[in-house]
């Protein structure tokens, strides 16, 4: 009888463990742009969650407020909190966005002329 109770208790524990919620890691962090500073053609973006600048990540400049119709630029330096690039010639004033793995940051107004 004692063995039957132990087996039944073990089965109940397995059943309850199978029903317990599992922990999931959130990977939907939105990149956040905090500041844009331009000096002599070099632009420095400060923020959070920029990742490592791998494929699928880019900077969009001279965009409209919705993050459309801008120009993609190549960064000379990219870290999770800082991006540096040279402003291309002929840009108009507009918004700057950082796109990481297809997720766009908030936009900040910048005149990079």
Protein backbone atom coordinates (compact mmCIF):
# COMPACT_ATOMS: atom_id res chain seq x y z
CA UNK A 1 0.00 0.00 0.00
CA UNK A 2 2.84 2.38 0.86
CA UNK A 3 4.44 1.77 -2.54
CA UNK A 4 1.12 2.48 -4.31
CA UNK A 5 0.81 5.84 -2.50
CA UNK A 6 4.37 6.78 -3.49
CA UNK A 7 3.74 5.90 -7.14
CA UNK A 8 0.46 7.83 -7.12
CA UNK A 9 2.18 10.85 -5.51
CA UNK A 10 4.94 10.72 -8.13
CA UNK A 11 2.42 10.61 -10.98
CA UNK A 12 0.51 13.54 -9.48
CA UNK A 13 3.76 15.54 -9.22
CA UNK A 14 4.60 14.82 -12.87
CA UNK A 15 1.13 15.85 -13.97
CA UNK A 16 1.32 19.13 -12.03
CA UNK A 17 4.82 19.88 -13.36
CA UNK A 18 3.61 19.37 -16.93
CA UNK A 19 0.80 21.87 -16.35
CA UNK A 20 3.02 24.58 -14.84
CA UNK A 21 3.73 27.64 -17.01
CA UNK A 22 7.19 27.81 -18.54
CA UNK A 23 9.44 30.85 -18.36
CA UNK A 24 10.08 32.67 -21.62
CA UNK A 25 12.73 35.26 -22.36
CA UNK A 26 11.43 38.37 -24.11
CA UNK A 27 13.37 39.22 -27.25
CA UNK A 28 11.19 42.05 -28.44
CA UNK A 29 13.18 44.94 -26.98
CA UNK A 30 12.65 48.16 -28.90
CA UNK A 31 15.78 50.18 -29.74
CA UNK A 32 15.64 53.59 -28.06
CA UNK A 33 17.29 56.68 -29.52
CA UNK A 34 18.20 59.23 -26.81
CA UNK A 35 20.34 61.83 -28.58
CA UNK A 36 21.72 62.89 -31.96
CA UNK A 37 24.87 65.00 -32.09
CA UNK A 38 26.47 66.21 -35.34
CA UNK A 39 29.87 67.87 -35.55
CA UNK A 40 31.84 68.49 -38.75
CA UNK A 41 29.98 65.79 -40.65
CA UNK A 42 30.40 63.11 -37.97
CA UNK A 43 27.15 62.07 -36.33
CA UNK A 44 26.95 60.32 -32.96
CA UNK A 45 23.76 58.59 -31.87
CA UNK A 46 23.34 57.64 -28.22
CA UNK A 47 20.70 55.24 -26.99
CA UNK A 48 19.90 51.73 -25.85
CA UNK A 49 19.34 48.30 -27.34
CA UNK A 50 21.15 48.97 -30.65
CA UNK A 51 22.62 45.47 -30.72
CA UNK A 52 25.87 44.81 -32.55
CA UNK A 53 25.07 46.35 -35.91
CA UNK A 54 24.86 43.05 -37.78
CA UNK A 55 22.81 42.28 -40.91
CA UNK A 56 19.29 43.64 -40.67
CA UNK A 57 20.40 46.69 -38.67
CA UNK A 58 20.86 50.17 -40.13
CA UNK A 59 20.49 53.91 -39.56
CA UNK A 60 17.91 55.91 -41.49
CA UNK A 61 18.44 59.68 -41.84
CA UNK A 62 16.37 62.50 -43.38
CA UNK A 63 13.23 60.42 -42.92
CA UNK A 64 9.75 61.76 -42.30
CA UNK A 65 8.16 61.51 -38.86
CA UNK A 66 6.86 58.01 -39.70
CA UNK A 67 10.35 56.70 -40.50
CA UNK A 68 9.77 56.56 -44.26
CA UNK A 69 11.48 58.08 -47.32
CA UNK A 70 14.85 58.39 -45.64
CA UNK A 71 18.41 57.49 -46.61
CA UNK A 72 20.21 54.45 -45.19
CA UNK A 73 23.75 55.19 -43.99
CA UNK A 74 26.64 52.93 -43.06
CA UNK A 75 28.02 53.22 -39.55
CA UNK A 76 31.74 53.55 -38.90
CA UNK A 77 31.21 52.34 -35.32
CA UNK A 78 28.29 50.47 -33.77
CA UNK A 79 27.78 49.31 -30.18
CA UNK A 80 24.65 48.53 -28.12
CA UNK A 81 24.53 52.15 -26.87
CA UNK A 82 26.39 54.24 -29.48
CA UNK A 83 26.50 54.56 -33.27
CA UNK A 84 28.87 56.79 -35.24
CA UNK A 85 28.63 57.60 -38.98
CA UNK A 86 29.61 60.25 -41.50
CA UNK A 87 26.67 62.31 -42.74
CA UNK A 88 26.32 61.99 -46.51
CA UNK A 89 26.32 65.16 -48.60
CA UNK A 90 23.03 66.64 -49.72
CA UNK A 91 20.84 65.51 -46.84
CA UNK A 92 17.74 67.46 -45.95
CA UNK A 93 16.52 68.04 -42.43
CA UNK A 94 14.39 65.24 -41.06
CA UNK A 95 14.25 62.47 -38.52
CA UNK A 96 16.89 59.89 -37.60
CA UNK A 97 15.90 56.29 -36.80
CA UNK A 98 17.86 53.20 -35.81
CA UNK A 99 16.51 49.91 -37.14
CA UNK A 100 17.66 46.72 -35.39
CA UNK A 101 16.56 43.37 -36.85
CA UNK A 102 13.59 45.07 -38.51
CA UNK A 103 12.46 46.90 -35.36
CA UNK A 104 12.57 50.69 -35.62
CA UNK A 105 13.52 53.03 -32.80
CA UNK A 106 11.78 56.23 -31.96
CA UNK A 107 12.76 59.05 -34.30
CA UNK A 108 14.58 62.21 -33.33
CA UNK A 109 14.66 65.38 -35.45
CA UNK A 110 18.08 66.26 -36.81
CA UNK A 111 19.51 68.67 -39.35
CA UNK A 112 22.69 66.97 -40.55
CA UNK A 113 23.58 69.53 -43.26
